[in-house]
Amino acid sequence: MNQIEHEVQKSIKEYLDARGFCWWAVPNGGQRNVKVASKLQAEGVKKGVPDITLIHEGMFYALEVKKPKGATPKGYLSKAQKAMIKKIETNGGQVKVVYSVADVIEALIDWEIRT
């Protein structure tokens, strides 16, 4: 995760905490040595899992945080992320790609989630 995505996710964290949601971040990214990466993979860590998981009224929702367009192009989904999003949605979960807190608010409205 680059610094801009990090800042966006921190803002999203503050918003979700302020609203009192049941949620957590999934620290799947980052540089790891081969030994640690192998251990995590053996434990079930999967490529492409969205950055944030949210549970509301028994439903699974996920947010994939991407860098917004600025001086450089906006972030994009990897093949693994696209495949995982499809798998989640096929199994009844909901996923949105977000670039800001405003996008999170829009996702919550689309999902009809209110707290």
PDB file of N, CA and C in Angstrom:
ATOM      1  N   MET A   1       0.862  -1.174   0.000  1.00  0.00           N
ATOM      2  CA  MET A   1       0.000   0.000   0.000  1.00  0.00           C
ATOM      3  C   MET A   1       0.904   1.231   0.000  1.00  0.00           C
ATOM      4  N   ASN A   2       0.647   2.131  -0.922  1.00  0.00           N
ATOM      5  CA  ASN A   2       1.466   3.342  -0.970  1.00  0.00           C
ATOM      6  C   ASN A   2       0.996   4.356   0.075  1.00  0.00           C
ATOM      7  N   GLN A   3       1.753   5.422   0.245  1.00  0.00           N
ATOM      8  CA  GLN A   3       1.473   6.405   1.297  1.00  0.00           C
ATOM      9  C   GLN A   3       0.105   7.061   1.118  1.00  0.00           C
ATOM     10  N   ILE A   4      -0.287   7.350  -0.116  1.00  0.00           N
ATOM     11  CA  ILE A   4      -1.590   7.994  -0.350  1.00  0.00           C
ATOM     12  C   ILE A   4      -2.717   7.046   0.048  1.00  0.00           C
ATOM     13  N   GLU A   5      -2.635   5.770  -0.361  1.00  0.00           N
ATOM     14  CA  GLU A   5      -3.652   4.788   0.052  1.00  0.00           C
ATOM     15  C   GLU A   5      -3.669   4.655   1.570  1.00  0.00           C
ATOM     16  N   HIS A   6      -2.500   4.687   2.191  1.00  0.00           N
ATOM     17  CA  HIS A   6      -2.406   4.607   3.651  1.00  0.00           C
ATOM     18  C   HIS A   6      -3.191   5.754   4.295  1.00  0.00           C
ATOM     19  N   GLU A   7      -3.013   6.960   3.800  1.00  0.00           N
ATOM     20  CA  GLU A   7      -3.721   8.120   4.356  1.00  0.00           C
ATOM     21  C   GLU A   7      -5.228   8.008   4.141  1.00  0.00           C
ATOM     22  N   VAL A   8      -5.643   7.534   2.967  1.00  0.00           N
ATOM     23  CA  VAL A   8      -7.072   7.338   2.696  1.00  0.00           C
ATOM     24  C   VAL A   8      -7.631   6.304   3.665  1.00  0.00           C
ATOM     25  N   GLN A   9      -6.914   5.192   3.853  1.00  0.00           N
ATOM     26  CA  GLN A   9      -7.418   4.147   4.742  1.00  0.00           C
ATOM     27  C   GLN A   9      -7.474   4.641   6.189  1.00  0.00           C
ATOM     28  N   LYS A  10      -6.527   5.455   6.617  1.00  0.00           N
ATOM     29  CA  LYS A  10      -6.587   6.028   7.966  1.00  0.00           C
ATOM     30  C   LYS A  10      -7.846   6.873   8.134  1.00  0.00           C
ATOM     31  N   SER A  11      -8.193   7.654   7.128  1.00  0.00           N
ATOM     32  CA  SER A  11      -9.411   8.477   7.186  1.00  0.00           C
ATOM     33  C   SER A  11     -10.654   7.602   7.246  1.00  0.00           C
ATOM     34  N   ILE A  12     -10.649   6.527   6.468  1.00  0.00           N
ATOM     35  CA  ILE A  12     -11.778   5.592   6.486  1.00  0.00           C
ATOM     36  C   ILE A  12     -11.890   4.946   7.867  1.00  0.00           C
ATOM     37  N   LYS A  13     -10.763   4.565   8.464  1.00  0.00           N
ATOM     38  CA  LYS A  13     -10.748   3.994   9.806  1.00  0.00           C
ATOM     39  C   LYS A  13     -11.413   4.932  10.804  1.00  0.00           C
ATOM     40  N   GLU A  14     -11.024   6.195  10.756  1.00  0.00           N
ATOM     41  CA  GLU A  14     -11.592   7.177  11.684  1.00  0.00           C
ATOM     42  C   GLU A  14     -13.110   7.300  11.488  1.00  0.00           C
ATOM     43  N   TYR A  15     -13.549   7.301  10.244  1.00  0.00           N
ATOM     44  CA  TYR A  15     -14.987   7.406   9.947  1.00  0.00           C
ATOM     45  C   TYR A  15     -15.738   6.179  10.469  1.00  0.00           C
ATOM     46  N   LEU A  16     -15.240   4.971  10.157  1.00  0.00           N
ATOM     47  CA  LEU A  16     -15.933   3.748  10.579  1.00  0.00           C
ATOM     48  C   LEU A  16     -15.955   3.625  12.105  1.00  0.00           C
ATOM     49  N   ASP A  17     -14.849   3.991  12.761  1.00  0.00           N
ATOM     50  CA  ASP A  17     -14.816   3.963  14.227  1.00  0.00           C
ATOM     51  C   ASP A  17     -15.829   4.950  14.811  1.00  0.00           C
ATOM     52  N   ALA A  18     -15.881   6.156  14.244  1.00  0.00           N
ATOM     53  CA  ALA A  18     -16.811   7.184  14.745  1.00  0.00           C
ATOM     54  C   ALA A  18     -18.259   6.727  14.600  1.00  0.00           C
ATOM     55  N   ARG A  19     -18.544   5.939  13.560  1.00  0.00           N
ATOM     56  CA  ARG A  19     -19.903   5.439  13.340  1.00  0.00           C
ATOM     57  C   ARG A  19     -20.206   4.182  14.151  1.00  0.00           C
ATOM     58  N   GLY A  20     -19.201   3.583  14.763  1.00  0.00           N
ATOM     59  CA  GLY A  20     -19.417   2.418  15.615  1.00  0.00           C
ATOM     60  C   GLY A  20     -19.618   1.108  14.877  1.00  0.00           C
ATOM     61  N   PHE A  21     -19.109   0.983  13.679  1.00  0.00           N
ATOM     62  CA  PHE A  21     -19.268  -0.251  12.906  1.00  0.00           C
ATOM     63  C   PHE A  21     -18.406  -1.382  13.452  1.00  0.00           C
ATOM     64  N   CYS A  22     -18.823  -2.607  13.184  1.00  0.00           N
ATOM     65  CA  CYS A  22     -18.014  -3.798  13.430  1.00  0.00           C
ATOM     66  C   CYS A  22     -17.187  -3.999  12.164  1.00  0.00           C
ATOM     67  N   TRP A  23     -15.904  -3.719  12.258  1.00  0.00           N
ATOM     68  CA  TRP A  23     -15.048  -3.784  11.073  1.00  0.00           C
ATOM     69  C   TRP A  23     -13.609  -4.054  11.486  1.00  0.00           C
ATOM     70  N   TRP A  24     -12.777  -4.427  10.514  1.00  0.00           N
ATOM     71  CA  TRP A  24     -11.349  -4.585  10.744  1.00  0.00           C
ATOM     72  C   TRP A  24     -10.616  -4.482   9.414  1.00  0.00           C
ATOM     73  N   ALA A  25      -9.346  -4.133   9.534  1.00  0.00           N
ATOM     74  CA  ALA A  25      -8.474  -4.077   8.359  1.00  0.00           C
ATOM     75  C   ALA A  25      -7.822  -5.438   8.166  1.00  0.00           C
ATOM     76  N   VAL A  26      -7.542  -5.767   6.924  1.00  0.00           N
ATOM     77  CA  VAL A  26      -6.878  -7.019   6.586  1.00  0.00           C
ATOM     78  C   VAL A  26      -5.477  -6.659   6.078  1.00  0.00           C
ATOM     79  N   PRO A  27      -4.450  -6.888   6.888  1.00  0.00           N
ATOM     80  CA  PRO A  27      -3.091  -6.486   6.503  1.00  0.00           C
ATOM     81  C   PRO A  27      -2.427  -7.479   5.559  1.00  0.00           C
ATOM     82  N   ASN A  28      -2.986  -7.634   4.377  1.00  0.00           N
ATOM     83  CA  ASN A  28      -2.478  -8.608   3.410  1.00  0.00           C
ATOM     84  C   ASN A  28      -1.278  -8.113   2.619  1.00  0.00           C
ATOM     85  N   GLY A  29      -1.175  -6.813   2.439  1.00  0.00           N
ATOM     86  CA  GLY A  29      -0.116  -6.289   1.580  1.00  0.00           C
ATOM     87  C   GLY A  29       1.200  -6.120   2.308  1.00  0.00           C
ATOM     88  N   GLY A  30       2.126  -5.501   1.642  1.00  0.00           N
ATOM     89  CA  GLY A  30       3.415  -5.201   2.244  1.00  0.00           C
ATOM     90  C   GLY A  30       4.490  -6.182   1.831  1.00  0.00           C
ATOM     91  N   GLN A  31       5.704  -5.756   2.033  1.00  0.00           N
ATOM     92  CA  GLN A  31       6.863  -6.587   1.704  1.00  0.00           C
ATOM     93  C   GLN A  31       7.149  -7.548   2.853  1.00  0.00           C
ATOM     94  N   ARG A  32       7.301  -8.815   2.509  1.00  0.00           N
ATOM     95  CA  ARG A  32       7.636  -9.829   3.503  1.00  0.00           C
ATOM     96  C   ARG A  32       8.742 -10.702   2.942  1.00  0.00           C
ATOM     97  N   ASN A  33       9.553 -11.250   3.826  1.00  0.00           N
ATOM     98  CA  ASN A  33      10.564 -12.178   3.321  1.00  0.00           C
ATOM     99  C   ASN A  33       9.894 -13.495   2.958  1.00  0.00           C
ATOM    100  N   VAL A  34      10.588 -14.333   2.234  1.00  0.00           N
ATOM    101  CA  VAL A  34      10.017 -15.580   1.716  1.00  0.00           C
ATOM    102  C   VAL A  34       9.524 -16.484   2.837  1.00  0.00           C
ATOM    103  N   LYS A  35      10.264 -16.568   3.933  1.00  0.00           N
ATOM    104  CA  LYS A  35       9.871 -17.441   5.055  1.00  0.00           C
ATOM    105  C   LYS A  35       8.549 -16.990   5.667  1.00  0.00           C
ATOM    106  N   VAL A  36       8.421 -15.691   5.924  1.00  0.00           N
ATOM    107  CA  VAL A  36       7.185 -15.153   6.514  1.00  0.00           C
ATOM    108  C   VAL A  36       6.032 -15.307   5.529  1.00  0.00           C
ATOM    109  N   ALA A  37       6.254 -14.990   4.263  1.00  0.00           N
ATOM    110  CA  ALA A  37       5.207 -15.116   3.246  1.00  0.00           C
ATOM    111  C   ALA A  37       4.727 -16.565   3.146  1.00  0.00           C
ATOM    112  N   SER A  38       5.646 -17.516   3.170  1.00  0.00           N
ATOM    113  CA  SER A  38       5.279 -18.937   3.098  1.00  0.00           C
ATOM    114  C   SER A  38       4.468 -19.359   4.316  1.00  0.00           C
ATOM    115  N   LYS A  39       4.874 -18.882   5.488  1.00  0.00           N
ATOM    116  CA  LYS A  39       4.157 -19.217   6.721  1.00  0.00           C
ATOM    117  C   LYS A  39       2.736 -18.669   6.673  1.00  0.00           C
ATOM    118  N   LEU A  40       2.589 -17.414   6.273  1.00  0.00           N
ATOM    119  CA  LEU A  40       1.259 -16.808   6.191  1.00  0.00           C
ATOM    120  C   LEU A  40       0.384 -17.524   5.161  1.00  0.00           C
ATOM    121  N   GLN A  41       0.960 -17.872   4.029  1.00  0.00           N
ATOM    122  CA  GLN A  41       0.198 -18.594   3.008  1.00  0.00           C
ATOM    123  C   GLN A  41      -0.249 -19.956   3.540  1.00  0.00           C
ATOM    124  N   ALA A  42       0.623 -20.631   4.284  1.00  0.00           N
ATOM    125  CA  ALA A  42       0.274 -21.931   4.872  1.00  0.00           C
ATOM    126  C   ALA A  42      -0.857 -21.801   5.884  1.00  0.00           C
ATOM    127  N   GLU A  43      -0.953 -20.614   6.522  1.00  0.00           N
ATOM    128  CA  GLU A  43      -2.009 -20.367   7.505  1.00  0.00           C
ATOM    129  C   GLU A  43      -3.315 -19.924   6.863  1.00  0.00           C
ATOM    130  N   GLY A  44      -3.302 -19.681   5.562  1.00  0.00           N
ATOM    131  CA  GLY A  44      -4.546 -19.331   4.875  1.00  0.00           C
ATOM    132  C   GLY A  44      -4.639 -17.920   4.354  1.00  0.00           C
ATOM    133  N   VAL A  45      -3.577 -17.118   4.462  1.00  0.00           N
ATOM    134  CA  VAL A  45      -3.613 -15.780   3.879  1.00  0.00           C
ATOM    135  C   VAL A  45      -3.761 -15.929   2.367  1.00  0.00           C
ATOM    136  N   LYS A  46      -4.686 -15.170   1.801  1.00  0.00           N
ATOM    137  CA  LYS A  46      -4.978 -15.278   0.368  1.00  0.00           C
ATOM    138  C   LYS A  46      -4.720 -13.961  -0.334  1.00  0.00           C
ATOM    139  N   LYS A  47      -4.237 -14.055  -1.557  1.00  0.00           N
ATOM    140  CA  LYS A  47      -4.031 -12.871  -2.390  1.00  0.00           C
ATOM    141  C   LYS A  47      -5.376 -12.278  -2.768  1.00  0.00           C
ATOM    142  N   GLY A  48      -5.409 -10.945  -2.853  1.00  0.00           N
ATOM    143  CA  GLY A  48      -6.586 -10.276  -3.379  1.00  0.00           C
ATOM    144  C   GLY A  48      -7.683  -9.962  -2.394  1.00  0.00           C
ATOM    145  N   VAL A  49      -7.513 -10.343  -1.115  1.00  0.00           N
ATOM    146  CA  VAL A  49      -8.541 -10.068  -0.107  1.00  0.00           C
ATOM    147  C   VAL A  49      -8.651  -8.550   0.079  1.00  0.00           C
ATOM    148  N   PRO A  50      -9.880  -8.007   0.081  1.00  0.00           N
ATOM    149  CA  PRO A  50     -10.046  -6.559   0.249  1.00  0.00           C
ATOM    150  C   PRO A  50      -9.441  -6.044   1.559  1.00  0.00           C
ATOM    151  N   ASP A  51      -9.135  -4.754   1.572  1.00  0.00           N
ATOM    152  CA  ASP A  51      -8.439  -4.117   2.691  1.00  0.00           C
ATOM    153  C   ASP A  51      -9.248  -4.053   3.977  1.00  0.00           C
ATOM    154  N   ILE A  52     -10.552  -3.870   3.856  1.00  0.00           N
ATOM    155  CA  ILE A  52     -11.404  -3.675   5.035  1.00  0.00           C
ATOM    156  C   ILE A  52     -12.593  -4.617   4.973  1.00  0.00           C
ATOM    157  N   THR A  53     -12.857  -5.286   6.095  1.00  0.00           N
ATOM    158  CA  THR A  53     -14.024  -6.148   6.242  1.00  0.00           C
ATOM    159  C   THR A  53     -14.994  -5.464   7.195  1.00  0.00           C
ATOM    160  N   LEU A  54     -16.274  -5.495   6.845  1.00  0.00           N
ATOM    161  CA  LEU A  54     -17.316  -4.890   7.668  1.00  0.00           C
ATOM    162  C   LEU A  54     -18.450  -5.904   7.784  1.00  0.00           C
ATOM    163  N   ILE A  55     -18.913  -6.126   9.003  1.00  0.00           N
ATOM    164  CA  ILE A  55     -20.049  -7.012   9.237  1.00  0.00           C
ATOM    165  C   ILE A  55     -21.199  -6.154   9.756  1.00  0.00           C
ATOM    166  N   HIS A  56     -22.365  -6.312   9.139  1.00  0.00           N
ATOM    167  CA  HIS A  56     -23.530  -5.544   9.578  1.00  0.00           C
ATOM    168  C   HIS A  56     -24.779  -6.407   9.412  1.00  0.00           C
ATOM    169  N   GLU A  57     -25.469  -6.598  10.525  1.00  0.00           N
ATOM    170  CA  GLU A  57     -26.711  -7.393  10.532  1.00  0.00           C
ATOM    171  C   GLU A  57     -26.529  -8.735   9.831  1.00  0.00           C
ATOM    172  N   GLY A  58     -25.413  -9.408  10.139  1.00  0.00           N
ATOM    173  CA  GLY A  58     -25.165 -10.740   9.616  1.00  0.00           C
ATOM    174  C   GLY A  58     -24.670 -10.793   8.185  1.00  0.00           C
ATOM    175  N   MET A  59     -24.438  -9.651   7.569  1.00  0.00           N
ATOM    176  CA  MET A  59     -23.971  -9.607   6.179  1.00  0.00           C
ATOM    177  C   MET A  59     -22.492  -9.227   6.132  1.00  0.00           C
ATOM    178  N   PHE A  60     -21.806  -9.752   5.117  1.00  0.00           N
ATOM    179  CA  PHE A  60     -20.386  -9.485   4.898  1.00  0.00           C
ATOM    180  C   PHE A  60     -20.239  -8.411   3.827  1.00  0.00           C
ATOM    181  N   TYR A  61     -19.499  -7.373   4.170  1.00  0.00           N
ATOM    182  CA  TYR A  61     -19.188  -6.292   3.234  1.00  0.00           C
ATOM    183  C   TYR A  61     -17.683  -6.077   3.251  1.00  0.00           C
ATOM    184  N   ALA A  62     -17.137  -5.646   2.135  1.00  0.00           N
ATOM    185  CA  ALA A  62     -15.700  -5.390   2.075  1.00  0.00           C
ATOM    186  C   ALA A  62     -15.430  -4.132   1.253  1.00  0.00           C
ATOM    187  N   LEU A  63     -14.352  -3.457   1.639  1.00  0.00           N
ATOM    188  CA  LEU A  63     -13.913  -2.257   0.936  1.00  0.00           C
ATOM    189  C   LEU A  63     -12.482  -2.474   0.465  1.00  0.00           C
ATOM    190  N   GLU A  64     -12.262  -2.281  -0.806  1.00  0.00           N
ATOM    191  CA  GLU A  64     -10.910  -2.308  -1.369  1.00  0.00           C
ATOM    192  C   GLU A  64     -10.483  -0.864  -1.546  1.00  0.00           C
ATOM    193  N   VAL A  65      -9.480  -0.434  -0.799  1.00  0.00           N
ATOM    194  CA  VAL A  65      -9.034   0.955  -0.810  1.00  0.00           C
ATOM    195  C   VAL A  65      -7.972   1.135  -1.894  1.00  0.00           C
ATOM    196  N   LYS A  66      -8.190   2.121  -2.739  1.00  0.00           N
ATOM    197  CA  LYS A  66      -7.253   2.438  -3.814  1.00  0.00           C
ATOM    198  C   LYS A  66      -6.891   3.910  -3.781  1.00  0.00           C
ATOM    199  N   LYS A  67      -5.750   4.208  -4.335  1.00  0.00           N
ATOM    200  CA  LYS A  67      -5.258   5.580  -4.428  1.00  0.00           C
ATOM    201  C   LYS A  67      -6.142   6.368  -5.386  1.00  0.00           C
ATOM    202  N   PRO A  68      -6.609   7.550  -4.937  1.00  0.00           N
ATOM    203  CA  PRO A  68      -7.412   8.374  -5.848  1.00  0.00           C
ATOM    204  C   PRO A  68      -6.541   8.990  -6.936  1.00  0.00           C
ATOM    205  N   LYS A  69      -7.175   9.376  -8.018  1.00  0.00           N
ATOM    206  CA  LYS A  69      -6.453  10.037  -9.101  1.00  0.00           C
ATOM    207  C   LYS A  69      -5.966  11.394  -8.611  1.00  0.00           C
ATOM    208  N   GLY A  70      -4.753  11.691  -8.914  1.00  0.00           N
ATOM    209  CA  GLY A  70      -4.158  12.975  -8.543  1.00  0.00           C
ATOM    210  C   GLY A  70      -3.116  13.305  -9.582  1.00  0.00           C
ATOM    211  N   ALA A  71      -1.904  13.569  -9.116  1.00  0.00           N
ATOM    212  CA  ALA A  71      -0.794  13.827 -10.029  1.00  0.00           C
ATOM    213  C   ALA A  71      -0.424  12.560 -10.797  1.00  0.00           C
ATOM    214  N   THR A  72      -0.795  11.412 -10.222  1.00  0.00           N
ATOM    215  CA  THR A  72      -0.558  10.127 -10.883  1.00  0.00           C
ATOM    216  C   THR A  72      -1.914   9.444 -11.086  1.00  0.00           C
ATOM    217  N   PRO A  73      -1.972   8.452 -11.966  1.00  0.00           N
ATOM    218  CA  PRO A  73      -3.255   7.757 -12.190  1.00  0.00           C
ATOM    219  C   PRO A  73      -3.764   7.085 -10.925  1.00  0.00           C
ATOM    220  N   LYS A  74      -5.089   6.908 -10.854  1.00  0.00           N
ATOM    221  CA  LYS A  74      -5.676   6.247  -9.689  1.00  0.00           C
ATOM    222  C   LYS A  74      -5.252   4.785  -9.650  1.00  0.00           C
ATOM    223  N   GLY A  75      -5.387   4.211  -8.455  1.00  0.00           N
ATOM    224  CA  GLY A  75      -5.030   2.812  -8.279  1.00  0.00           C
ATOM    225  C   GLY A  75      -5.972   1.898  -9.048  1.00  0.00           C
ATOM    226  N   TYR A  76      -5.518   0.699  -9.322  1.00  0.00           N
ATOM    227  CA  TYR A  76      -6.329  -0.248 -10.083  1.00  0.00           C
ATOM    228  C   TYR A  76      -6.295  -1.612  -9.403  1.00  0.00           C
ATOM    229  N   LEU A  77      -7.260  -2.455  -9.735  1.00  0.00           N
ATOM    230  CA  LEU A  77      -7.351  -3.795  -9.162  1.00  0.00           C
ATOM    231  C   LEU A  77      -6.401  -4.758  -9.864  1.00  0.00           C
ATOM    232  N   SER A  78      -5.754  -5.594  -9.081  1.00  0.00           N
ATOM    233  CA  SER A  78      -4.921  -6.660  -9.646  1.00  0.00           C
ATOM    234  C   SER A  78      -5.839  -7.805 -10.096  1.00  0.00           C
ATOM    235  N   LYS A  79      -5.283  -8.742 -10.831  1.00  0.00           N
ATOM    236  CA  LYS A  79      -6.050  -9.924 -11.236  1.00  0.00           C
ATOM    237  C   LYS A  79      -6.529 -10.696 -10.007  1.00  0.00           C
ATOM    238  N   ALA A  80      -5.660 -10.815  -9.005  1.00  0.00           N
ATOM    239  CA  ALA A  80      -6.034 -11.538  -7.776  1.00  0.00           C
ATOM    240  C   ALA A  80      -7.179 -10.828  -7.056  1.00  0.00           C
ATOM    241  N   GLN A  81      -7.145  -9.501  -7.027  1.00  0.00           N
ATOM    242  CA  GLN A  81      -8.224  -8.742  -6.374  1.00  0.00           C
ATOM    243  C   GLN A  81      -9.535  -8.918  -7.132  1.00  0.00           C
ATOM    244  N   LYS A  82      -9.496  -8.845  -8.450  1.00  0.00           N
ATOM    245  CA  LYS A  82     -10.713  -9.044  -9.249  1.00  0.00           C
ATOM    246  C   LYS A  82     -11.293 -10.428  -9.006  1.00  0.00           C
ATOM    247  N   ALA A  83     -10.428 -11.435  -8.966  1.00  0.00           N
ATOM    248  CA  ALA A  83     -10.894 -12.812  -8.743  1.00  0.00           C
ATOM    249  C   ALA A  83     -11.508 -12.964  -7.353  1.00  0.00           C
ATOM    250  N   MET A  84     -10.880 -12.379  -6.335  1.00  0.00           N
ATOM    251  CA  MET A  84     -11.398 -12.498  -4.968  1.00  0.00           C
ATOM    252  C   MET A  84     -12.722 -11.747  -4.825  1.00  0.00           C
ATOM    253  N   ILE A  85     -12.828 -10.582  -5.425  1.00  0.00           N
ATOM    254  CA  ILE A  85     -14.091  -9.834  -5.383  1.00  0.00           C
ATOM    255  C   ILE A  85     -15.205 -10.661  -6.007  1.00  0.00           C
ATOM    256  N   LYS A  86     -14.924 -11.277  -7.129  1.00  0.00           N
ATOM    257  CA  LYS A  86     -15.933 -12.127  -7.788  1.00  0.00           C
ATOM    258  C   LYS A  86     -16.329 -13.289  -6.872  1.00  0.00           C
ATOM    259  N   LYS A  87     -15.347 -13.895  -6.217  1.00  0.00           N
ATOM    260  CA  LYS A  87     -15.626 -15.023  -5.324  1.00  0.00           C
ATOM    261  C   LYS A  87     -16.486 -14.582  -4.136  1.00  0.00           C
ATOM    262  N   ILE A  88     -16.158 -13.430  -3.558  1.00  0.00           N
ATOM    263  CA  ILE A  88     -16.937 -12.913  -2.429  1.00  0.00           C
ATOM    264  C   ILE A  88     -18.374 -12.647  -2.863  1.00  0.00           C
ATOM    265  N   GLU A  89     -18.538 -11.978  -3.988  1.00  0.00           N
ATOM    266  CA  GLU A  89     -19.882 -11.641  -4.462  1.00  0.00           C
ATOM    267  C   GLU A  89     -20.673 -12.881  -4.860  1.00  0.00           C
ATOM    268  N   THR A  90     -20.024 -13.875  -5.432  1.00  0.00           N
ATOM    269  CA  THR A  90     -20.683 -15.137  -5.780  1.00  0.00           C
ATOM    270  C   THR A  90     -21.217 -15.833  -4.533  1.00  0.00           C
ATOM    271  N   ASN A  91     -20.537 -15.596  -3.412  1.00  0.00           N
ATOM    272  CA  ASN A  91     -20.930 -16.231  -2.146  1.00  0.00           C
ATOM    273  C   ASN A  91     -21.780 -15.333  -1.257  1.00  0.00           C
ATOM    274  N   GLY A  92     -22.350 -14.281  -1.843  1.00  0.00           N
ATOM    275  CA  GLY A  92     -23.320 -13.462  -1.123  1.00  0.00           C
ATOM    276  C   GLY A  92     -22.782 -12.226  -0.441  1.00  0.00           C
ATOM    277  N   GLY A  93     -21.475 -11.992  -0.497  1.00  0.00           N
ATOM    278  CA  GLY A  93     -20.902 -10.785   0.100  1.00  0.00           C
ATOM    279  C   GLY A  93     -20.985  -9.608  -0.860  1.00  0.00           C
ATOM    280  N   GLN A  94     -20.726  -8.442  -0.333  1.00  0.00           N
ATOM    281  CA  GLN A  94     -20.742  -7.210  -1.124  1.00  0.00           C
ATOM    282  C   GLN A  94     -19.367  -6.567  -1.043  1.00  0.00           C
ATOM    283  N   VAL A  95     -18.873  -6.049  -2.160  1.00  0.00           N
ATOM    284  CA  VAL A  95     -17.565  -5.403  -2.195  1.00  0.00           C
ATOM    285  C   VAL A  95     -17.663  -4.114  -2.995  1.00  0.00           C
ATOM    286  N   LYS A  96     -16.993  -3.079  -2.505  1.00  0.00           N
ATOM    287  CA  LYS A  96     -16.876  -1.813  -3.236  1.00  0.00           C
ATOM    288  C   LYS A  96     -15.414  -1.407  -3.259  1.00  0.00           C
ATOM    289  N   VAL A  97     -14.993  -0.851  -4.378  1.00  0.00           N
ATOM    290  CA  VAL A  97     -13.678  -0.232  -4.485  1.00  0.00           C
ATOM    291  C   VAL A  97     -13.881   1.234  -4.132  1.00  0.00           C
ATOM    292  N   VAL A  98     -13.075   1.734  -3.185  1.00  0.00           N
ATOM    293  CA  VAL A  98     -13.247   3.108  -2.707  1.00  0.00           C
ATOM    294  C   VAL A  98     -11.928   3.871  -2.803  1.00  0.00           C
ATOM    295  N   TYR A  99     -12.075   5.178  -3.016  1.00  0.00           N
ATOM    296  CA  TYR A  99     -10.926   6.062  -3.155  1.00  0.00           C
ATOM    297  C   TYR A  99     -10.935   7.174  -2.110  1.00  0.00           C
ATOM    298  N   SER A 100     -11.980   7.199  -1.254  1.00  0.00           N
ATOM    299  CA  SER A 100     -12.138   8.271  -0.280  1.00  0.00           C
ATOM    300  C   SER A 100     -13.217   7.895   0.736  1.00  0.00           C
ATOM    301  N   VAL A 101     -13.304   8.687   1.804  1.00  0.00           N
ATOM    302  CA  VAL A 101     -14.384   8.509   2.776  1.00  0.00           C
ATOM    303  C   VAL A 101     -15.727   8.748   2.092  1.00  0.00           C
ATOM    304  N   ALA A 102     -15.788   9.699   1.184  1.00  0.00           N
ATOM    305  CA  ALA A 102     -17.043   9.960   0.456  1.00  0.00           C
ATOM    306  C   ALA A 102     -17.503   8.714  -0.293  1.00  0.00           C
ATOM    307  N   ASP A 103     -16.563   7.968  -0.870  1.00  0.00           N
ATOM    308  CA  ASP A 103     -16.926   6.715  -1.546  1.00  0.00           C
ATOM    309  C   ASP A 103     -17.454   5.682  -0.555  1.00  0.00           C
ATOM    310  N   VAL A 104     -16.899   5.655   0.653  1.00  0.00           N
ATOM    311  CA  VAL A 104     -17.384   4.735   1.690  1.00  0.00           C
ATOM    312  C   VAL A 104     -18.815   5.098   2.064  1.00  0.00           C
ATOM    313  N   ILE A 105     -19.070   6.385   2.252  1.00  0.00           N
ATOM    314  CA  ILE A 105     -20.425   6.836   2.585  1.00  0.00           C
ATOM    315  C   ILE A 105     -21.395   6.428   1.482  1.00  0.00           C
ATOM    316  N   GLU A 106     -20.989   6.592   0.230  1.00  0.00           N
ATOM    317  CA  GLU A 106     -21.833   6.194  -0.899  1.00  0.00           C
ATOM    318  C   GLU A 106     -22.069   4.685  -0.892  1.00  0.00           C
ATOM    319  N   ALA A 107     -21.045   3.907  -0.586  1.00  0.00           N
ATOM    320  CA  ALA A 107     -21.199   2.447  -0.518  1.00  0.00           C
ATOM    321  C   ALA A 107     -22.200   2.068   0.569  1.00  0.00           C
ATOM    322  N   LEU A 108     -22.087   2.689   1.737  1.00  0.00           N
ATOM    323  CA  LEU A 108     -23.014   2.394   2.827  1.00  0.00           C
ATOM    324  C   LEU A 108     -24.444   2.739   2.446  1.00  0.00           C
ATOM    325  N   ILE A 109     -24.619   3.843   1.739  1.00  0.00           N
ATOM    326  CA  ILE A 109     -25.966   4.212   1.259  1.00  0.00           C
ATOM    327  C   ILE A 109     -26.468   3.172   0.265  1.00  0.00           C
ATOM    328  N   ASP A 110     -25.607   2.770  -0.677  1.00  0.00           N
ATOM    329  CA  ASP A 110     -25.994   1.741  -1.662  1.00  0.00           C
ATOM    330  C   ASP A 110     -26.381   0.434  -0.971  1.00  0.00           C
ATOM    331  N   TRP A 111     -25.653   0.096   0.082  1.00  0.00           N
ATOM    332  CA  TRP A 111     -25.912  -1.143   0.813  1.00  0.00           C
ATOM    333  C   TRP A 111     -27.039  -0.974   1.826  1.00  0.00           C
ATOM    334  N   GLU A 112     -27.595   0.230   1.928  1.00  0.00           N
ATOM    335  CA  GLU A 112     -28.665   0.547   2.875  1.00  0.00           C
ATOM    336  C   GLU A 112     -28.259   0.258   4.318  1.00  0.00           C
ATOM    337  N   ILE A 113     -27.015   0.612   4.653  1.00  0.00           N
ATOM    338  CA  ILE A 113     -26.491   0.441   6.005  1.00  0.00           C
ATOM    339  C   ILE A 113     -26.566   1.773   6.708  1.00  0.00           C
ATOM    340  N   ARG A 114     -27.213   1.760   7.864  1.00  0.00           N
ATOM    341  CA  ARG A 114     -27.323   2.964   8.686  1.00  0.00           C
ATOM    342  C   ARG A 114     -27.026   2.572  10.125  1.00  0.00           C
ATOM    343  N   THR A 115     -26.340   3.447  10.836  1.00  0.00           N
ATOM    344  CA  THR A 115     -26.107   3.198  12.263  1.00  0.00           C
ATOM    345  C   THR A 115     -26.473   4.455  13.022  1.00  0.00           C
TER     346      THR A 115
END
